[in-house]
Amino acid sequence: MYTRTIHFVRASWQGDTVDSEIAAEFWSAVTEAQFIFGKDVVRALEAIKDRAIEISVSKRMISATPPEEELKYVYSMRDHQQWFSQAEEPITKVFRHYLRLH
């Protein structure tokens, strides 16, 4: 589950589109987490999921809005991607307790 999450985080900040296989594996991990891990991991995965949804919505809105309104969605998408670019270390810390990562 940790590996699937890290792959998704990396894919989310490296491009505007996440490979469907990586996304499907991550969504599965989010669903499974509540049965395997504590609330700390579940909250972290939910935060990742919410930001990924925001990127997806922003991307769709860019193509559906007039040019003068596109920038707010571009900035929103880039802000979330920036967050993803710095998320690997905090996510690793959340999982460390469960995976005995050193």
PDB file of N, CA and C in Angstrom:
ATOM      1  N   MET A   1       0.815  -1.182   0.000  1.00  0.00           N
ATOM      2  CA  MET A   1       0.000   0.000   0.000  1.00  0.00           C
ATOM      3  C   MET A   1       0.871   1.263   0.000  1.00  0.00           C
ATOM      4  N   TYR A   2       1.941   1.222   0.755  1.00  0.00           N
ATOM      5  CA  TYR A   2       2.875   2.356   0.780  1.00  0.00           C
ATOM      6  C   TYR A   2       3.435   2.615  -0.620  1.00  0.00           C
ATOM      7  N   THR A   3       3.854   1.572  -1.288  1.00  0.00           N
ATOM      8  CA  THR A   3       4.435   1.709  -2.620  1.00  0.00           C
ATOM      9  C   THR A   3       3.417   2.273  -3.607  1.00  0.00           C
ATOM     10  N   ARG A   4       2.190   1.800  -3.544  1.00  0.00           N
ATOM     11  CA  ARG A   4       1.149   2.308  -4.432  1.00  0.00           C
ATOM     12  C   ARG A   4       0.904   3.798  -4.184  1.00  0.00           C
ATOM     13  N   THR A   5       0.945   4.183  -2.923  1.00  0.00           N
ATOM     14  CA  THR A   5       0.734   5.585  -2.574  1.00  0.00           C
ATOM     15  C   THR A   5       1.869   6.462  -3.101  1.00  0.00           C
ATOM     16  N   ILE A   6       3.095   6.023  -2.901  1.00  0.00           N
ATOM     17  CA  ILE A   6       4.248   6.797  -3.363  1.00  0.00           C
ATOM     18  C   ILE A   6       4.245   6.903  -4.891  1.00  0.00           C
ATOM     19  N   HIS A   7       3.924   5.824  -5.574  1.00  0.00           N
ATOM     20  CA  HIS A   7       3.843   5.882  -7.045  1.00  0.00           C
ATOM     21  C   HIS A   7       2.795   6.913  -7.483  1.00  0.00           C
ATOM     22  N   PHE A   8       1.666   6.930  -6.804  1.00  0.00           N
ATOM     23  CA  PHE A   8       0.606   7.872  -7.150  1.00  0.00           C
ATOM     24  C   PHE A   8       1.041   9.308  -6.864  1.00  0.00           C
ATOM     25  N   VAL A   9       1.669   9.535  -5.719  1.00  0.00           N
ATOM     26  CA  VAL A   9       2.144  10.880  -5.367  1.00  0.00           C
ATOM     27  C   VAL A   9       3.140  11.369  -6.413  1.00  0.00           C
ATOM     28  N   ARG A  10       4.085  10.537  -6.773  1.00  0.00           N
ATOM     29  CA  ARG A  10       5.085  10.931  -7.773  1.00  0.00           C
ATOM     30  C   ARG A  10       4.433  11.224  -9.120  1.00  0.00           C
ATOM     31  N   ALA A  11       3.518  10.385  -9.529  1.00  0.00           N
ATOM     32  CA  ALA A  11       2.846  10.587 -10.821  1.00  0.00           C
ATOM     33  C   ALA A  11       2.004  11.858 -10.808  1.00  0.00           C
ATOM     34  N   SER A  12       1.455  12.206  -9.662  1.00  0.00           N
ATOM     35  CA  SER A  12       0.578  13.373  -9.565  1.00  0.00           C
ATOM     36  C   SER A  12       1.319  14.688  -9.723  1.00  0.00           C
ATOM     37  N   TRP A  13       2.554  14.737  -9.335  1.00  0.00           N
ATOM     38  CA  TRP A  13       3.274  16.010  -9.501  1.00  0.00           C
ATOM     39  C   TRP A  13       4.150  16.037 -10.744  1.00  0.00           C
ATOM     40  N   GLN A  14       4.335  14.895 -11.370  1.00  0.00           N
ATOM     41  CA  GLN A  14       5.191  14.862 -12.560  1.00  0.00           C
ATOM     42  C   GLN A  14       4.446  15.152 -13.852  1.00  0.00           C
ATOM     43  N   GLY A  15       3.128  15.177 -13.802  1.00  0.00           N
ATOM     44  CA  GLY A  15       2.376  15.429 -15.026  1.00  0.00           C
ATOM     45  C   GLY A  15       0.940  15.782 -14.732  1.00  0.00           C
ATOM     46  N   ASP A  16       0.245  16.173 -15.759  1.00  0.00           N
ATOM     47  CA  ASP A  16      -1.148  16.559 -15.603  1.00  0.00           C
ATOM     48  C   ASP A  16      -2.088  15.355 -15.557  1.00  0.00           C
ATOM     49  N   THR A  17      -1.601  14.199 -15.972  1.00  0.00           N
ATOM     50  CA  THR A  17      -2.428  13.001 -16.019  1.00  0.00           C
ATOM     51  C   THR A  17      -1.679  11.839 -15.363  1.00  0.00           C
ATOM     52  N   VAL A  18      -2.372  11.116 -14.501  1.00  0.00           N
ATOM     53  CA  VAL A  18      -1.802   9.942 -13.851  1.00  0.00           C
ATOM     54  C   VAL A  18      -2.219   8.711 -14.638  1.00  0.00           C
ATOM     55  N   ASP A  19      -1.272   7.823 -14.884  1.00  0.00           N
ATOM     56  CA  ASP A  19      -1.549   6.569 -15.572  1.00  0.00           C
ATOM     57  C   ASP A  19      -2.721   5.863 -14.887  1.00  0.00           C
ATOM     58  N   SER A  20      -3.637   5.346 -15.665  1.00  0.00           N
ATOM     59  CA  SER A  20      -4.858   4.743 -15.106  1.00  0.00           C
ATOM     60  C   SER A  20      -4.573   3.556 -14.198  1.00  0.00           C
ATOM     61  N   GLU A  21      -3.536   2.789 -14.488  1.00  0.00           N
ATOM     62  CA  GLU A  21      -3.191   1.649 -13.628  1.00  0.00           C
ATOM     63  C   GLU A  21      -2.689   2.122 -12.263  1.00  0.00           C
ATOM     64  N   ILE A  22      -1.848   3.151 -12.265  1.00  0.00           N
ATOM     65  CA  ILE A  22      -1.349   3.705 -11.003  1.00  0.00           C
ATOM     66  C   ILE A  22      -2.506   4.294 -10.205  1.00  0.00           C
ATOM     67  N   ALA A  23      -3.400   5.003 -10.872  1.00  0.00           N
ATOM     68  CA  ALA A  23      -4.558   5.589 -10.200  1.00  0.00           C
ATOM     69  C   ALA A  23      -5.461   4.511  -9.606  1.00  0.00           C
ATOM     70  N   ALA A  24      -5.738   3.469 -10.371  1.00  0.00           N
ATOM     71  CA  ALA A  24      -6.602   2.390  -9.886  1.00  0.00           C
ATOM     72  C   ALA A  24      -5.997   1.703  -8.662  1.00  0.00           C
ATOM     73  N   GLU A  25      -4.699   1.502  -8.689  1.00  0.00           N
ATOM     74  CA  GLU A  25      -4.031   0.875  -7.537  1.00  0.00           C
ATOM     75  C   GLU A  25      -4.113   1.772  -6.303  1.00  0.00           C
ATOM     76  N   PHE A  26      -3.966   3.069  -6.505  1.00  0.00           N
ATOM     77  CA  PHE A  26      -4.063   3.990  -5.377  1.00  0.00           C
ATOM     78  C   PHE A  26      -5.478   4.028  -4.815  1.00  0.00           C
ATOM     79  N   TRP A  27      -6.494   4.137  -5.686  1.00  0.00           N
ATOM     80  CA  TRP A  27      -7.886   4.180  -5.206  1.00  0.00           C
ATOM     81  C   TRP A  27      -8.199   2.914  -4.408  1.00  0.00           C
ATOM     82  N   SER A  28      -7.662   1.791  -4.846  1.00  0.00           N
ATOM     83  CA  SER A  28      -7.840   0.544  -4.108  1.00  0.00           C
ATOM     84  C   SER A  28      -7.184   0.635  -2.735  1.00  0.00           C
ATOM     85  N   ALA A  29      -6.000   1.221  -2.685  1.00  0.00           N
ATOM     86  CA  ALA A  29      -5.296   1.381  -1.414  1.00  0.00           C
ATOM     87  C   ALA A  29      -6.082   2.257  -0.445  1.00  0.00           C
ATOM     88  N   VAL A  30      -6.697   3.304  -0.950  1.00  0.00           N
ATOM     89  CA  VAL A  30      -7.500   4.190  -0.098  1.00  0.00           C
ATOM     90  C   VAL A  30      -8.647   3.410   0.532  1.00  0.00           C
ATOM     91  N   THR A  31      -9.294   2.591  -0.258  1.00  0.00           N
ATOM     92  CA  THR A  31     -10.411   1.791   0.236  1.00  0.00           C
ATOM     93  C   THR A  31      -9.959   0.770   1.281  1.00  0.00           C
ATOM     94  N   GLU A  32      -8.829   0.127   1.036  1.00  0.00           N
ATOM     95  CA  GLU A  32      -8.321  -0.903   1.938  1.00  0.00           C
ATOM     96  C   GLU A  32      -7.738  -0.342   3.229  1.00  0.00           C
ATOM     97  N   ALA A  33      -7.254   0.861   3.203  1.00  0.00           N
ATOM     98  CA  ALA A  33      -6.521   1.435   4.336  1.00  0.00           C
ATOM     99  C   ALA A  33      -7.308   1.426   5.630  1.00  0.00           C
ATOM    100  N   GLN A  34      -8.577   1.705   5.553  1.00  0.00           N
ATOM    101  CA  GLN A  34      -9.370   1.774   6.779  1.00  0.00           C
ATOM    102  C   GLN A  34      -9.445   0.428   7.509  1.00  0.00           C
ATOM    103  N   PHE A  35      -9.187  -0.650   6.811  1.00  0.00           N
ATOM    104  CA  PHE A  35      -9.235  -1.975   7.421  1.00  0.00           C
ATOM    105  C   PHE A  35      -7.868  -2.451   7.899  1.00  0.00           C
ATOM    106  N   ILE A  36      -6.813  -1.770   7.467  1.00  0.00           N
ATOM    107  CA  ILE A  36      -5.456  -2.233   7.742  1.00  0.00           C
ATOM    108  C   ILE A  36      -4.682  -1.296   8.667  1.00  0.00           C
ATOM    109  N   PHE A  37      -4.865   0.005   8.474  1.00  0.00           N
ATOM    110  CA  PHE A  37      -4.066   1.001   9.183  1.00  0.00           C
ATOM    111  C   PHE A  37      -4.925   1.839  10.111  1.00  0.00           C
ATOM    112  N   GLY A  38      -4.240   2.660  10.890  1.00  0.00           N
ATOM    113  CA  GLY A  38      -4.920   3.568  11.795  1.00  0.00           C
ATOM    114  C   GLY A  38      -5.439   4.798  11.077  1.00  0.00           C
ATOM    115  N   LYS A  39      -6.067   5.666  11.859  1.00  0.00           N
ATOM    116  CA  LYS A  39      -6.674   6.868  11.298  1.00  0.00           C
ATOM    117  C   LYS A  39      -5.649   7.806  10.683  1.00  0.00           C
ATOM    118  N   ASP A  40      -4.410   7.771  11.167  1.00  0.00           N
ATOM    119  CA  ASP A  40      -3.390   8.662  10.622  1.00  0.00           C
ATOM    120  C   ASP A  40      -3.127   8.373   9.145  1.00  0.00           C
ATOM    121  N   VAL A  41      -3.014   7.102   8.791  1.00  0.00           N
ATOM    122  CA  VAL A  41      -2.791   6.723   7.392  1.00  0.00           C
ATOM    123  C   VAL A  41      -4.049   7.003   6.565  1.00  0.00           C
ATOM    124  N   VAL A  42      -5.191   6.682   7.115  1.00  0.00           N
ATOM    125  CA  VAL A  42      -6.444   6.919   6.392  1.00  0.00           C
ATOM    126  C   VAL A  42      -6.597   8.410   6.081  1.00  0.00           C
ATOM    127  N   ARG A  43      -6.322   9.272   7.058  1.00  0.00           N
ATOM    128  CA  ARG A  43      -6.412  10.724   6.831  1.00  0.00           C
ATOM    129  C   ARG A  43      -5.420  11.179   5.767  1.00  0.00           C
ATOM    130  N   ALA A  44      -4.205  10.648   5.814  1.00  0.00           N
ATOM    131  CA  ALA A  44      -3.185  11.032   4.827  1.00  0.00           C
ATOM    132  C   ALA A  44      -3.615  10.620   3.424  1.00  0.00           C
ATOM    133  N   LEU A  45      -4.136   9.414   3.293  1.00  0.00           N
ATOM    134  CA  LEU A  45      -4.588   8.944   1.979  1.00  0.00           C
ATOM    135  C   LEU A  45      -5.798   9.732   1.489  1.00  0.00           C
ATOM    136  N   GLU A  46      -6.678  10.090   2.398  1.00  0.00           N
ATOM    137  CA  GLU A  46      -7.841  10.903   2.023  1.00  0.00           C
ATOM    138  C   GLU A  46      -7.395  12.284   1.537  1.00  0.00           C
ATOM    139  N   ALA A  47      -6.385  12.857   2.177  1.00  0.00           N
ATOM    140  CA  ALA A  47      -5.866  14.163   1.743  1.00  0.00           C
ATOM    141  C   ALA A  47      -5.282  14.066   0.339  1.00  0.00           C
ATOM    142  N   ILE A  48      -4.552  13.000   0.071  1.00  0.00           N
ATOM    143  CA  ILE A  48      -3.994  12.784  -1.269  1.00  0.00           C
ATOM    144  C   ILE A  48      -5.119  12.637  -2.281  1.00  0.00           C
ATOM    145  N   LYS A  49      -6.102  11.823  -1.932  1.00  0.00           N
ATOM    146  CA  LYS A  49      -7.245  11.601  -2.824  1.00  0.00           C
ATOM    147  C   LYS A  49      -7.968  12.911  -3.121  1.00  0.00           C
ATOM    148  N   ASP A  50      -8.208  13.711  -2.085  1.00  0.00           N
ATOM    149  CA  ASP A  50      -8.914  14.984  -2.279  1.00  0.00           C
ATOM    150  C   ASP A  50      -8.141  15.919  -3.200  1.00  0.00           C
ATOM    151  N   ARG A  51      -6.833  15.984  -3.037  1.00  0.00           N
ATOM    152  CA  ARG A  51      -6.022  16.847  -3.895  1.00  0.00           C
ATOM    153  C   ARG A  51      -6.010  16.326  -5.339  1.00  0.00           C
ATOM    154  N   ALA A  52      -5.974  15.023  -5.493  1.00  0.00           N
ATOM    155  CA  ALA A  52      -6.012  14.451  -6.844  1.00  0.00           C
ATOM    156  C   ALA A  52      -7.333  14.778  -7.529  1.00  0.00           C
ATOM    157  N   ILE A  53      -8.409  14.740  -6.778  1.00  0.00           N
ATOM    158  CA  ILE A  53      -9.722  15.103  -7.336  1.00  0.00           C
ATOM    159  C   ILE A  53      -9.730  16.577  -7.725  1.00  0.00           C
ATOM    160  N   GLU A  54      -9.152  17.427  -6.893  1.00  0.00           N
ATOM    161  CA  GLU A  54      -9.082  18.856  -7.209  1.00  0.00           C
ATOM    162  C   GLU A  54      -8.297  19.103  -8.501  1.00  0.00           C
ATOM    163  N   ILE A  55      -7.208  18.369  -8.695  1.00  0.00           N
ATOM    164  CA  ILE A  55      -6.438  18.501  -9.936  1.00  0.00           C
ATOM    165  C   ILE A  55      -7.297  18.093 -11.121  1.00  0.00           C
ATOM    166  N   SER A  56      -8.004  16.987 -10.980  1.00  0.00           N
ATOM    167  CA  SER A  56      -8.854  16.496 -12.061  1.00  0.00           C
ATOM    168  C   SER A  56      -9.960  17.500 -12.398  1.00  0.00           C
ATOM    169  N   VAL A  57     -10.592  18.054 -11.385  1.00  0.00           N
ATOM    170  CA  VAL A  57     -11.657  19.033 -11.600  1.00  0.00           C
ATOM    171  C   VAL A  57     -11.087  20.286 -12.263  1.00  0.00           C
ATOM    172  N   SER A  58      -9.946  20.752 -11.764  1.00  0.00           N
ATOM    173  CA  SER A  58      -9.326  21.944 -12.353  1.00  0.00           C
ATOM    174  C   SER A  58      -8.990  21.716 -13.817  1.00  0.00           C
ATOM    175  N   LYS A  59      -8.466  20.538 -14.104  1.00  0.00           N
ATOM    176  CA  LYS A  59      -8.117  20.225 -15.489  1.00  0.00           C
ATOM    177  C   LYS A  59      -9.351  20.268 -16.385  1.00  0.00           C
ATOM    178  N   ARG A  60     -10.436  19.716 -15.913  1.00  0.00           N
ATOM    179  CA  ARG A  60     -11.686  19.736 -16.701  1.00  0.00           C
ATOM    180  C   ARG A  60     -12.230  21.148 -16.846  1.00  0.00           C
ATOM    181  N   MET A  61     -12.125  21.937 -15.783  1.00  0.00           N
ATOM    182  CA  MET A  61     -12.643  23.298 -15.816  1.00  0.00           C
ATOM    183  C   MET A  61     -11.833  24.184 -16.763  1.00  0.00           C
ATOM    184  N   ILE A  62     -10.553  23.921 -16.885  1.00  0.00           N
ATOM    185  CA  ILE A  62      -9.718  24.701 -17.800  1.00  0.00           C
ATOM    186  C   ILE A  62     -10.275  24.625 -19.219  1.00  0.00           C
ATOM    187  N   SER A  63     -10.662  23.429 -19.619  1.00  0.00           N
ATOM    188  CA  SER A  63     -11.167  23.276 -20.984  1.00  0.00           C
ATOM    189  C   SER A  63     -12.631  23.684 -21.129  1.00  0.00           C
ATOM    190  N   ALA A  64     -13.330  23.882 -20.005  1.00  0.00           N
ATOM    191  CA  ALA A  64     -14.759  24.192 -20.078  1.00  0.00           C
ATOM    192  C   ALA A  64     -15.094  25.649 -19.786  1.00  0.00           C
ATOM    193  N   THR A  65     -14.090  26.449 -19.465  1.00  0.00           N
ATOM    194  CA  THR A  65     -14.366  27.838 -19.103  1.00  0.00           C
ATOM    195  C   THR A  65     -13.797  28.791 -20.149  1.00  0.00           C
ATOM    196  N   PRO A  66     -14.301  30.006 -20.157  1.00  0.00           N
ATOM    197  CA  PRO A  66     -13.739  31.006 -21.074  1.00  0.00           C
ATOM    198  C   PRO A  66     -12.275  31.284 -20.722  1.00  0.00           C
ATOM    199  N   PRO A  67     -11.496  31.687 -21.701  1.00  0.00           N
ATOM    200  CA  PRO A  67     -10.064  31.914 -21.478  1.00  0.00           C
ATOM    201  C   PRO A  67      -9.748  32.843 -20.302  1.00  0.00           C
ATOM    202  N   GLU A  68     -10.580  33.835 -20.083  1.00  0.00           N
ATOM    203  CA  GLU A  68     -10.303  34.782 -18.995  1.00  0.00           C
ATOM    204  C   GLU A  68     -10.472  34.161 -17.601  1.00  0.00           C
ATOM    205  N   GLU A  69     -11.123  33.015 -17.520  1.00  0.00           N
ATOM    206  CA  GLU A  69     -11.315  32.337 -16.235  1.00  0.00           C
ATOM    207  C   GLU A  69     -10.407  31.131 -16.048  1.00  0.00           C
ATOM    208  N   GLU A  70      -9.667  30.767 -17.065  1.00  0.00           N
ATOM    209  CA  GLU A  70      -8.815  29.576 -17.008  1.00  0.00           C
ATOM    210  C   GLU A  70      -7.722  29.665 -15.952  1.00  0.00           C
ATOM    211  N   LEU A  71      -7.156  30.848 -15.781  1.00  0.00           N
ATOM    212  CA  LEU A  71      -5.989  30.978 -14.908  1.00  0.00           C
ATOM    213  C   LEU A  71      -6.236  30.515 -13.485  1.00  0.00           C
ATOM    214  N   LYS A  72      -7.402  30.761 -12.934  1.00  0.00           N
ATOM    215  CA  LYS A  72      -7.649  30.337 -11.553  1.00  0.00           C
ATOM    216  C   LYS A  72      -7.584  28.810 -11.430  1.00  0.00           C
ATOM    217  N   TYR A  73      -7.999  28.107 -12.465  1.00  0.00           N
ATOM    218  CA  TYR A  73      -7.928  26.650 -12.436  1.00  0.00           C
ATOM    219  C   TYR A  73      -6.509  26.157 -12.698  1.00  0.00           C
ATOM    220  N   VAL A  74      -5.793  26.852 -13.553  1.00  0.00           N
ATOM    221  CA  VAL A  74      -4.385  26.512 -13.788  1.00  0.00           C
ATOM    222  C   VAL A  74      -3.610  26.662 -12.491  1.00  0.00           C
ATOM    223  N   TYR A  75      -3.816  27.788 -11.788  1.00  0.00           N
ATOM    224  CA  TYR A  75      -3.112  28.014 -10.528  1.00  0.00           C
ATOM    225  C   TYR A  75      -3.506  26.993  -9.472  1.00  0.00           C
ATOM    226  N   SER A  76      -4.769  26.648  -9.413  1.00  0.00           N
ATOM    227  CA  SER A  76      -5.228  25.640  -8.457  1.00  0.00           C
ATOM    228  C   SER A  76      -4.558  24.300  -8.728  1.00  0.00           C
ATOM    229  N   MET A  77      -4.543  23.914  -9.996  1.00  0.00           N
ATOM    230  CA  MET A  77      -3.924  22.644 -10.370  1.00  0.00           C
ATOM    231  C   MET A  77      -2.440  22.651 -10.014  1.00  0.00           C
ATOM    232  N   ARG A  78      -1.756  23.719 -10.330  1.00  0.00           N
ATOM    233  CA  ARG A  78      -0.321  23.810 -10.043  1.00  0.00           C
ATOM    234  C   ARG A  78      -0.043  23.834  -8.536  1.00  0.00           C
ATOM    235  N   ASP A  79      -0.915  24.484  -7.765  1.00  0.00           N
ATOM    236  CA  ASP A  79      -0.740  24.485  -6.307  1.00  0.00           C
ATOM    237  C   ASP A  79      -0.815  23.069  -5.742  1.00  0.00           C
ATOM    238  N   HIS A  80      -1.776  22.303  -6.233  1.00  0.00           N
ATOM    239  CA  HIS A  80      -1.904  20.923  -5.762  1.00  0.00           C
ATOM    240  C   HIS A  80      -0.718  20.079  -6.225  1.00  0.00           C
ATOM    241  N   GLN A  81      -0.261  20.287  -7.435  1.00  0.00           N
ATOM    242  CA  GLN A  81       0.912  19.550  -7.912  1.00  0.00           C
ATOM    243  C   GLN A  81       2.150  19.917  -7.094  1.00  0.00           C
ATOM    244  N   GLN A  82       2.258  21.165  -6.707  1.00  0.00           N
ATOM    245  CA  GLN A  82       3.369  21.585  -5.847  1.00  0.00           C
ATOM    246  C   GLN A  82       3.299  20.847  -4.515  1.00  0.00           C
ATOM    247  N   TRP A  83       2.098  20.733  -3.959  1.00  0.00           N
ATOM    248  CA  TRP A  83       1.917  20.002  -2.711  1.00  0.00           C
ATOM    249  C   TRP A  83       2.386  18.554  -2.884  1.00  0.00           C
ATOM    250  N   PHE A  84       1.995  17.927  -3.998  1.00  0.00           N
ATOM    251  CA  PHE A  84       2.418  16.557  -4.270  1.00  0.00           C
ATOM    252  C   PHE A  84       3.936  16.448  -4.378  1.00  0.00           C
ATOM    253  N   SER A  85       4.575  17.478  -4.913  1.00  0.00           N
ATOM    254  CA  SER A  85       6.029  17.429  -5.081  1.00  0.00           C
ATOM    255  C   SER A  85       6.755  17.384  -3.736  1.00  0.00           C
ATOM    256  N   GLN A  86       6.070  17.785  -2.667  1.00  0.00           N
ATOM    257  CA  GLN A  86       6.676  17.790  -1.336  1.00  0.00           C
ATOM    258  C   GLN A  86       6.033  16.777  -0.392  1.00  0.00           C
ATOM    259  N   ALA A  87       5.186  15.929  -0.894  1.00  0.00           N
ATOM    260  CA  ALA A  87       4.391  15.041  -0.038  1.00  0.00           C
ATOM    261  C   ALA A  87       5.070  13.720   0.308  1.00  0.00           C
ATOM    262  N   GLU A  88       6.075  13.327  -0.431  1.00  0.00           N
ATOM    263  CA  GLU A  88       6.644  11.999  -0.210  1.00  0.00           C
ATOM    264  C   GLU A  88       7.210  11.831   1.203  1.00  0.00           C
ATOM    265  N   GLU A  89       7.938  12.798   1.680  1.00  0.00           N
ATOM    266  CA  GLU A  89       8.523  12.678   3.026  1.00  0.00           C
ATOM    267  C   GLU A  89       7.464  12.602   4.125  1.00  0.00           C
ATOM    268  N   PRO A  90       6.461  13.495   4.135  1.00  0.00           N
ATOM    269  CA  PRO A  90       5.418  13.370   5.157  1.00  0.00           C
ATOM    270  C   PRO A  90       4.643  12.052   5.082  1.00  0.00           C
ATOM    271  N   ILE A  91       4.401  11.568   3.877  1.00  0.00           N
ATOM    272  CA  ILE A  91       3.690  10.290   3.729  1.00  0.00           C
ATOM    273  C   ILE A  91       4.542   9.151   4.280  1.00  0.00           C
ATOM    274  N   THR A  92       5.828   9.191   3.995  1.00  0.00           N
ATOM    275  CA  THR A  92       6.731   8.164   4.513  1.00  0.00           C
ATOM    276  C   THR A  92       6.715   8.174   6.036  1.00  0.00           C
ATOM    277  N   LYS A  93       6.683   9.343   6.643  1.00  0.00           N
ATOM    278  CA  LYS A  93       6.633   9.441   8.107  1.00  0.00           C
ATOM    279  C   LYS A  93       5.362   8.822   8.665  1.00  0.00           C
ATOM    280  N   VAL A  94       4.254   9.026   7.977  1.00  0.00           N
ATOM    281  CA  VAL A  94       2.984   8.450   8.439  1.00  0.00           C
ATOM    282  C   VAL A  94       3.041   6.922   8.378  1.00  0.00           C
ATOM    283  N   PHE A  95       3.598   6.392   7.319  1.00  0.00           N
ATOM    284  CA  PHE A  95       3.670   4.937   7.153  1.00  0.00           C
ATOM    285  C   PHE A  95       4.791   4.300   7.978  1.00  0.00           C
ATOM    286  N   ARG A  96       5.792   5.072   8.368  1.00  0.00           N
ATOM    287  CA  ARG A  96       6.984   4.534   9.033  1.00  0.00           C
ATOM    288  C   ARG A  96       6.624   3.647  10.217  1.00  0.00           C
ATOM    289  N   HIS A  97       5.698   4.086  11.033  1.00  0.00           N
ATOM    290  CA  HIS A  97       5.294   3.322  12.220  1.00  0.00           C
ATOM    291  C   HIS A  97       4.801   1.919  11.853  1.00  0.00           C
ATOM    292  N   TYR A  98       4.087   1.815  10.775  1.00  0.00           N
ATOM    293  CA  TYR A  98       3.488   0.534  10.383  1.00  0.00           C
ATOM    294  C   TYR A  98       4.442  -0.354   9.599  1.00  0.00           C
ATOM    295  N   LEU A  99       5.355   0.256   8.878  1.00  0.00           N
ATOM    296  CA  LEU A  99       6.237  -0.525   8.006  1.00  0.00           C
ATOM    297  C   LEU A  99       7.649  -0.666   8.555  1.00  0.00           C
ATOM    298  N   ARG A 100       7.885  -0.055   9.685  1.00  0.00           N
ATOM    299  CA  ARG A 100       9.208  -0.095  10.307  1.00  0.00           C
ATOM    300  C   ARG A 100      10.278   0.437   9.370  1.00  0.00           C
ATOM    301  N   LEU A 101       9.960   1.550   8.719  1.00  0.00           N
ATOM    302  CA  LEU A 101      10.918   2.205   7.835  1.00  0.00           C
ATOM    303  C   LEU A 101      11.896   3.008   8.692  1.00  0.00           C
ATOM    304  N   HIS A 102      13.156   2.957   8.343  1.00  0.00           N
ATOM    305  CA  HIS A 102      14.176   3.684   9.120  1.00  0.00           C
ATOM    306  C   HIS A 102      14.837   4.721   8.274  1.00  0.00           C
TER     307      HIS A 102
END
